[in-house]
Amino acid sequence: MGKDFIKRFSYGLVVSLIFSLVSKAQGGEIEMADQMRANGKIYVVLITVLIVLVGLFLFLVFLERKISKLEK
C-alpha cells in the first residue's frame, strides 16, 4: 500500500469520527434505534454495516495493489 493511500484513509477516518461525535453531541432520542435495540435487531444492522465496510476496505486494498503493479 502506498503512503498516499494510508494518508487519505486516515484523514477519512478522522473526519468520519468527528462527524460521528458531532451527531452524538446533538442528542435527542431516536425511537427507531430504541425499538430495534429492544427487539435485538440492532445487532443484525451493525453486523451488516460492518461486513459492508470491511468489504469496501478490502476492495480498496486489492485495487491499490493492482494499480501499483500497473504503474511498475
PDB file of N, CA and C in Angstrom:
ATOM      1  N   MET A   1       0.842  -1.174   0.000  1.00  0.00           N
ATOM      2  CA  MET A   1       0.000   0.000   0.000  1.00  0.00           C
ATOM      3  C   MET A   1       0.887   1.237   0.000  1.00  0.00           C
ATOM      4  N   GLY A   2       0.447   2.209  -0.736  1.00  0.00           N
ATOM      5  CA  GLY A   2       1.213   3.431  -0.811  1.00  0.00           C
ATOM      6  C   GLY A   2       0.966   4.337   0.382  1.00  0.00           C
ATOM      7  N   LYS A   3       1.917   5.210   0.600  1.00  0.00           N
ATOM      8  CA  LYS A   3       1.784   6.147   1.715  1.00  0.00           C
ATOM      9  C   LYS A   3       0.621   7.100   1.501  1.00  0.00           C
ATOM     10  N   ASP A   4       0.369   7.421   0.225  1.00  0.00           N
ATOM     11  CA  ASP A   4      -0.727   8.330  -0.094  1.00  0.00           C
ATOM     12  C   ASP A   4      -2.066   7.701   0.284  1.00  0.00           C
ATOM     13  N   PHE A   5      -2.220   6.409   0.005  1.00  0.00           N
ATOM     14  CA  PHE A   5      -3.456   5.705   0.345  1.00  0.00           C
ATOM     15  C   PHE A   5      -3.681   5.698   1.850  1.00  0.00           C
ATOM     16  N   ILE A   6      -2.643   5.408   2.603  1.00  0.00           N
ATOM     17  CA  ILE A   6      -2.768   5.359   4.058  1.00  0.00           C
ATOM     18  C   ILE A   6      -3.088   6.738   4.607  1.00  0.00           C
ATOM     19  N   LYS A   7      -2.479   7.768   4.030  1.00  0.00           N
ATOM     20  CA  LYS A   7      -2.741   9.132   4.486  1.00  0.00           C
ATOM     21  C   LYS A   7      -4.194   9.512   4.227  1.00  0.00           C
ATOM     22  N   ARG A   8      -4.702   9.214   3.025  1.00  0.00           N
ATOM     23  CA  ARG A   8      -6.090   9.538   2.704  1.00  0.00           C
ATOM     24  C   ARG A   8      -7.056   8.733   3.564  1.00  0.00           C
ATOM     25  N   PHE A   9      -6.732   7.471   3.801  1.00  0.00           N
ATOM     26  CA  PHE A   9      -7.598   6.637   4.630  1.00  0.00           C
ATOM     27  C   PHE A   9      -7.663   7.167   6.057  1.00  0.00           C
ATOM     28  N   SER A  10      -6.517   7.568   6.604  1.00  0.00           N
ATOM     29  CA  SER A  10      -6.516   8.075   7.975  1.00  0.00           C
ATOM     30  C   SER A  10      -7.251   9.409   8.067  1.00  0.00           C
ATOM     31  N   TYR A  11      -7.122  10.273   7.057  1.00  0.00           N
ATOM     32  CA  TYR A  11      -7.876  11.526   7.056  1.00  0.00           C
ATOM     33  C   TYR A  11      -9.373  11.240   7.011  1.00  0.00           C
ATOM     34  N   GLY A  12      -9.787  10.313   6.174  1.00  0.00           N
ATOM     35  CA  GLY A  12     -11.193   9.957   6.075  1.00  0.00           C
ATOM     36  C   GLY A  12     -11.723   9.389   7.377  1.00  0.00           C
ATOM     37  N   LEU A  13     -10.911   8.584   8.041  1.00  0.00           N
ATOM     38  CA  LEU A  13     -11.312   8.013   9.328  1.00  0.00           C
ATOM     39  C   LEU A  13     -11.496   9.100  10.373  1.00  0.00           C
ATOM     40  N   VAL A  14     -10.582  10.054  10.410  1.00  0.00           N
ATOM     41  CA  VAL A  14     -10.686  11.146  11.381  1.00  0.00           C
ATOM     42  C   VAL A  14     -11.923  11.992  11.109  1.00  0.00           C
ATOM     43  N   VAL A  15     -12.181  12.295   9.853  1.00  0.00           N
ATOM     44  CA  VAL A  15     -13.351  13.107   9.505  1.00  0.00           C
ATOM     45  C   VAL A  15     -14.637  12.377   9.877  1.00  0.00           C
ATOM     46  N   SER A  16     -14.695  11.073   9.589  1.00  0.00           N
ATOM     47  CA  SER A  16     -15.907  10.332   9.934  1.00  0.00           C
ATOM     48  C   SER A  16     -16.103  10.249  11.444  1.00  0.00           C
ATOM     49  N   LEU A  17     -15.030  10.129  12.203  1.00  0.00           N
ATOM     50  CA  LEU A  17     -15.150  10.116  13.660  1.00  0.00           C
ATOM     51  C   LEU A  17     -15.637  11.461  14.188  1.00  0.00           C
ATOM     52  N   ILE A  18     -15.160  12.540  13.595  1.00  0.00           N
ATOM     53  CA  ILE A  18     -15.602  13.872  14.014  1.00  0.00           C
ATOM     54  C   ILE A  18     -17.094  14.044  13.735  1.00  0.00           C
ATOM     55  N   PHE A  19     -17.543  13.630  12.539  1.00  0.00           N
ATOM     56  CA  PHE A  19     -18.971  13.724  12.222  1.00  0.00           C
ATOM     57  C   PHE A  19     -19.799  12.869  13.172  1.00  0.00           C
ATOM     58  N   SER A  20     -19.288  11.714  13.525  1.00  0.00           N
ATOM     59  CA  SER A  20     -19.996  10.839  14.451  1.00  0.00           C
ATOM     60  C   SER A  20     -20.130  11.494  15.820  1.00  0.00           C
ATOM     61  N   LEU A  21     -19.061  12.090  16.294  1.00  0.00           N
ATOM     62  CA  LEU A  21     -19.100  12.744  17.599  1.00  0.00           C
ATOM     63  C   LEU A  21     -20.033  13.947  17.593  1.00  0.00           C
ATOM     64  N   VAL A  22     -20.037  14.700  16.498  1.00  0.00           N
ATOM     65  CA  VAL A  22     -20.915  15.866  16.405  1.00  0.00           C
ATOM     66  C   VAL A  22     -22.374  15.430  16.415  1.00  0.00           C
ATOM     67  N   SER A  23     -22.695  14.356  15.695  1.00  0.00           N
ATOM     68  CA  SER A  23     -24.085  13.897  15.670  1.00  0.00           C
ATOM     69  C   SER A  23     -24.511  13.355  17.026  1.00  0.00           C
ATOM     70  N   LYS A  24     -23.596  12.726  17.767  1.00  0.00           N
ATOM     71  CA  LYS A  24     -23.916  12.247  19.116  1.00  0.00           C
ATOM     72  C   LYS A  24     -24.117  13.422  20.064  1.00  0.00           C
ATOM     73  N   ALA A  25     -23.368  14.488  19.869  1.00  0.00           N
ATOM     74  CA  ALA A  25     -23.441  15.638  20.764  1.00  0.00           C
ATOM     75  C   ALA A  25     -24.772  16.367  20.632  1.00  0.00           C
ATOM     76  N   GLN A  26     -25.423  16.240  19.479  1.00  0.00           N
ATOM     77  CA  GLN A  26     -26.697  16.920  19.292  1.00  0.00           C
ATOM     78  C   GLN A  26     -27.791  16.300  20.149  1.00  0.00           C
ATOM     79  N   GLY A  27     -27.590  15.065  20.555  1.00  0.00           N
ATOM     80  CA  GLY A  27     -28.514  14.410  21.487  1.00  0.00           C
ATOM     81  C   GLY A  27     -29.829  14.049  20.844  1.00  0.00           C
ATOM     82  N   GLY A  28     -30.831  13.916  21.681  1.00  0.00           N
ATOM     83  CA  GLY A  28     -32.151  13.545  21.187  1.00  0.00           C
ATOM     84  C   GLY A  28     -32.332  12.040  21.209  1.00  0.00           C
ATOM     85  N   GLU A  29     -33.580  11.646  21.366  1.00  0.00           N
ATOM     86  CA  GLU A  29     -33.907  10.227  21.377  1.00  0.00           C
ATOM     87  C   GLU A  29     -34.320   9.792  19.981  1.00  0.00           C
ATOM     88  N   ILE A  30     -33.875   8.630  19.585  1.00  0.00           N
ATOM     89  CA  ILE A  30     -34.237   8.074  18.294  1.00  0.00           C
ATOM     90  C   ILE A  30     -35.088   6.842  18.567  1.00  0.00           C
ATOM     91  N   GLU A  31     -36.383   6.950  18.256  1.00  0.00           N
ATOM     92  CA  GLU A  31     -37.307   5.878  18.584  1.00  0.00           C
ATOM     93  C   GLU A  31     -36.999   4.597  17.823  1.00  0.00           C
ATOM     94  N   MET A  32     -36.611   4.725  16.543  1.00  0.00           N
ATOM     95  CA  MET A  32     -36.357   3.542  15.738  1.00  0.00           C
ATOM     96  C   MET A  32     -35.194   2.734  16.315  1.00  0.00           C
ATOM     97  N   ALA A  33     -34.129   3.415  16.723  1.00  0.00           N
ATOM     98  CA  ALA A  33     -32.982   2.716  17.286  1.00  0.00           C
ATOM     99  C   ALA A  33     -33.347   2.057  18.607  1.00  0.00           C
ATOM    100  N   ASP A  34     -34.162   2.721  19.404  1.00  0.00           N
ATOM    101  CA  ASP A  34     -34.591   2.128  20.673  1.00  0.00           C
ATOM    102  C   ASP A  34     -35.435   0.880  20.437  1.00  0.00           C
ATOM    103  N   GLN A  35     -36.326   0.961  19.459  1.00  0.00           N
ATOM    104  CA  GLN A  35     -37.181  -0.194  19.142  1.00  0.00           C
ATOM    105  C   GLN A  35     -36.355  -1.359  18.613  1.00  0.00           C
ATOM    106  N   MET A  36     -35.390  -1.073  17.743  1.00  0.00           N
ATOM    107  CA  MET A  36     -34.540  -2.145  17.193  1.00  0.00           C
ATOM    108  C   MET A  36     -33.661  -2.746  18.279  1.00  0.00           C
ATOM    109  N   ARG A  37     -33.205  -1.916  19.196  1.00  0.00           N
ATOM    110  CA  ARG A  37     -32.401  -2.418  20.313  1.00  0.00           C
ATOM    111  C   ARG A  37     -33.247  -3.311  21.206  1.00  0.00           C
ATOM    112  N   ALA A  38     -34.491  -2.926  21.430  1.00  0.00           N
ATOM    113  CA  ALA A  38     -35.383  -3.721  22.268  1.00  0.00           C
ATOM    114  C   ALA A  38     -35.701  -5.072  21.629  1.00  0.00           C
ATOM    115  N   ASN A  39     -35.811  -5.101  20.308  1.00  0.00           N
ATOM    116  CA  ASN A  39     -36.110  -6.348  19.605  1.00  0.00           C
ATOM    117  C   ASN A  39     -34.858  -7.184  19.345  1.00  0.00           C
ATOM    118  N   GLY A  40     -33.679  -6.620  19.553  1.00  0.00           N
ATOM    119  CA  GLY A  40     -32.438  -7.341  19.286  1.00  0.00           C
ATOM    120  C   GLY A  40     -32.006  -7.290  17.832  1.00  0.00           C
ATOM    121  N   LYS A  41     -32.689  -6.513  17.012  1.00  0.00           N
ATOM    122  CA  LYS A  41     -32.358  -6.430  15.594  1.00  0.00           C
ATOM    123  C   LYS A  41     -31.219  -5.457  15.319  1.00  0.00           C
ATOM    124  N   ILE A  42     -30.848  -4.670  16.286  1.00  0.00           N
ATOM    125  CA  ILE A  42     -29.786  -3.693  16.077  1.00  0.00           C
ATOM    126  C   ILE A  42     -28.468  -4.390  15.777  1.00  0.00           C
ATOM    127  N   TYR A  43     -28.294  -5.586  16.338  1.00  0.00           N
ATOM    128  CA  TYR A  43     -27.056  -6.326  16.105  1.00  0.00           C
ATOM    129  C   TYR A  43     -26.967  -6.806  14.661  1.00  0.00           C
ATOM    130  N   VAL A  44     -28.091  -7.137  14.063  1.00  0.00           N
ATOM    131  CA  VAL A  44     -28.111  -7.529  12.650  1.00  0.00           C
ATOM    132  C   VAL A  44     -27.703  -6.343  11.789  1.00  0.00           C
ATOM    133  N   VAL A  45     -28.201  -5.177  12.123  1.00  0.00           N
ATOM    134  CA  VAL A  45     -27.851  -3.971  11.370  1.00  0.00           C
ATOM    135  C   VAL A  45     -26.363  -3.667  11.527  1.00  0.00           C
ATOM    136  N   LEU A  46     -25.851  -3.753  12.741  1.00  0.00           N
ATOM    137  CA  LEU A  46     -24.432  -3.470  12.975  1.00  0.00           C
ATOM    138  C   LEU A  46     -23.534  -4.457  12.251  1.00  0.00           C
ATOM    139  N   ILE A  47     -23.876  -5.734  12.268  1.00  0.00           N
ATOM    140  CA  ILE A  47     -23.065  -6.739  11.577  1.00  0.00           C
ATOM    141  C   ILE A  47     -23.098  -6.496  10.071  1.00  0.00           C
ATOM    142  N   THR A  48     -24.269  -6.147   9.533  1.00  0.00           N
ATOM    143  CA  THR A  48     -24.382  -5.872   8.095  1.00  0.00           C
ATOM    144  C   THR A  48     -23.532  -4.674   7.700  1.00  0.00           C
ATOM    145  N   VAL A  49     -23.583  -3.613   8.474  1.00  0.00           N
ATOM    146  CA  VAL A  49     -22.779  -2.423   8.180  1.00  0.00           C
ATOM    147  C   VAL A  49     -21.290  -2.761   8.279  1.00  0.00           C
ATOM    148  N   LEU A  50     -20.918  -3.545   9.279  1.00  0.00           N
ATOM    149  CA  LEU A  50     -19.523  -3.940   9.438  1.00  0.00           C
ATOM    150  C   LEU A  50     -19.035  -4.772   8.253  1.00  0.00           C
ATOM    151  N   ILE A  51     -19.860  -5.702   7.783  1.00  0.00           N
ATOM    152  CA  ILE A  51     -19.487  -6.528   6.633  1.00  0.00           C
ATOM    153  C   ILE A  51     -19.307  -5.661   5.388  1.00  0.00           C
ATOM    154  N   VAL A  52     -20.201  -4.708   5.178  1.00  0.00           N
ATOM    155  CA  VAL A  52     -20.092  -3.827   4.006  1.00  0.00           C
ATOM    156  C   VAL A  52     -18.819  -2.984   4.083  1.00  0.00           C
ATOM    157  N   LEU A  53     -18.519  -2.431   5.255  1.00  0.00           N
ATOM    158  CA  LEU A  53     -17.322  -1.600   5.398  1.00  0.00           C
ATOM    159  C   LEU A  53     -16.044  -2.410   5.225  1.00  0.00           C
ATOM    160  N   VAL A  54     -16.001  -3.619   5.772  1.00  0.00           N
ATOM    161  CA  VAL A  54     -14.823  -4.471   5.603  1.00  0.00           C
ATOM    162  C   VAL A  54     -14.660  -4.845   4.133  1.00  0.00           C
ATOM    163  N   GLY A  55     -15.780  -5.142   3.459  1.00  0.00           N
ATOM    164  CA  GLY A  55     -15.721  -5.449   2.031  1.00  0.00           C
ATOM    165  C   GLY A  55     -15.195  -4.288   1.210  1.00  0.00           C
ATOM    166  N   LEU A  56     -15.654  -3.078   1.514  1.00  0.00           N
ATOM    167  CA  LEU A  56     -15.144  -1.900   0.803  1.00  0.00           C
ATOM    168  C   LEU A  56     -13.668  -1.676   1.064  1.00  0.00           C
ATOM    169  N   PHE A  57     -13.245  -1.868   2.311  1.00  0.00           N
ATOM    170  CA  PHE A  57     -11.843  -1.686   2.641  1.00  0.00           C
ATOM    171  C   PHE A  57     -10.973  -2.711   1.900  1.00  0.00           C
ATOM    172  N   LEU A  58     -11.396  -3.980   1.878  1.00  0.00           N
ATOM    173  CA  LEU A  58     -10.633  -4.997   1.164  1.00  0.00           C
ATOM    174  C   LEU A  58     -10.594  -4.710  -0.335  1.00  0.00           C
ATOM    175  N   PHE A  59     -11.706  -4.252  -0.883  1.00  0.00           N
ATOM    176  CA  PHE A  59     -11.733  -3.890  -2.297  1.00  0.00           C
ATOM    177  C   PHE A  59     -10.726  -2.783  -2.595  1.00  0.00           C
ATOM    178  N   LEU A  60     -10.665  -1.775  -1.732  1.00  0.00           N
ATOM    179  CA  LEU A  60      -9.715  -0.683  -1.944  1.00  0.00           C
ATOM    180  C   LEU A  60      -8.271  -1.157  -1.826  1.00  0.00           C
ATOM    181  N   VAL A  61      -8.005  -2.063  -0.904  1.00  0.00           N
ATOM    182  CA  VAL A  61      -6.648  -2.580  -0.747  1.00  0.00           C
ATOM    183  C   VAL A  61      -6.232  -3.357  -1.997  1.00  0.00           C
ATOM    184  N   PHE A  62      -7.107  -4.243  -2.489  1.00  0.00           N
ATOM    185  CA  PHE A  62      -6.773  -5.012  -3.689  1.00  0.00           C
ATOM    186  C   PHE A  62      -6.651  -4.103  -4.903  1.00  0.00           C
ATOM    187  N   LEU A  63      -7.493  -3.094  -4.998  1.00  0.00           N
ATOM    188  CA  LEU A  63      -7.420  -2.151  -6.108  1.00  0.00           C
ATOM    189  C   LEU A  63      -6.108  -1.367  -6.070  1.00  0.00           C
ATOM    190  N   GLU A  64      -5.691  -0.966  -4.872  1.00  0.00           N
ATOM    191  CA  GLU A  64      -4.419  -0.253  -4.717  1.00  0.00           C
ATOM    192  C   GLU A  64      -3.252  -1.122  -5.161  1.00  0.00           C
ATOM    193  N   ARG A  65      -3.297  -2.403  -4.816  1.00  0.00           N
ATOM    194  CA  ARG A  65      -2.219  -3.319  -5.230  1.00  0.00           C
ATOM    195  C   ARG A  65      -2.177  -3.479  -6.737  1.00  0.00           C
ATOM    196  N   LYS A  66      -3.340  -3.623  -7.365  1.00  0.00           N
ATOM    197  CA  LYS A  66      -3.384  -3.760  -8.815  1.00  0.00           C
ATOM    198  C   LYS A  66      -2.857  -2.507  -9.507  1.00  0.00           C
ATOM    199  N   ILE A  67      -3.247  -1.364  -8.998  1.00  0.00           N
ATOM    200  CA  ILE A  67      -2.804  -0.094  -9.603  1.00  0.00           C
ATOM    201  C   ILE A  67      -1.291   0.073  -9.452  1.00  0.00           C
ATOM    202  N   SER A  68      -0.761  -0.283  -8.291  1.00  0.00           N
ATOM    203  CA  SER A  68       0.686  -0.154  -8.105  1.00  0.00           C
ATOM    204  C   SER A  68       1.445  -1.122  -9.010  1.00  0.00           C
ATOM    205  N   LYS A  69       0.888  -2.319  -9.266  1.00  0.00           N
ATOM    206  CA  LYS A  69       1.528  -3.262 -10.202  1.00  0.00           C
ATOM    207  C   LYS A  69       1.506  -2.698 -11.621  1.00  0.00           C
ATOM    208  N   LEU A  70       0.397  -2.059 -12.000  1.00  0.00           N
ATOM    209  CA  LEU A  70       0.296  -1.469 -13.338  1.00  0.00           C
ATOM    210  C   LEU A  70       1.252  -0.296 -13.500  1.00  0.00           C
ATOM    211  N   GLU A  71       1.477   0.460 -12.427  1.00  0.00           N
ATOM    212  CA  GLU A  71       2.386   1.594 -12.503  1.00  0.00           C
ATOM    213  C   GLU A  71       3.829   1.129 -12.710  1.00  0.00           C
ATOM    214  N   LYS A  72       4.164  -0.018 -12.128  1.00  0.00           N
ATOM    215  CA  LYS A  72       5.536  -0.543 -12.282  1.00  0.00           C
ATOM    216  C   LYS A  72       5.709  -1.062 -13.689  1.00  0.00           C
TER     217      LYS A  72
END
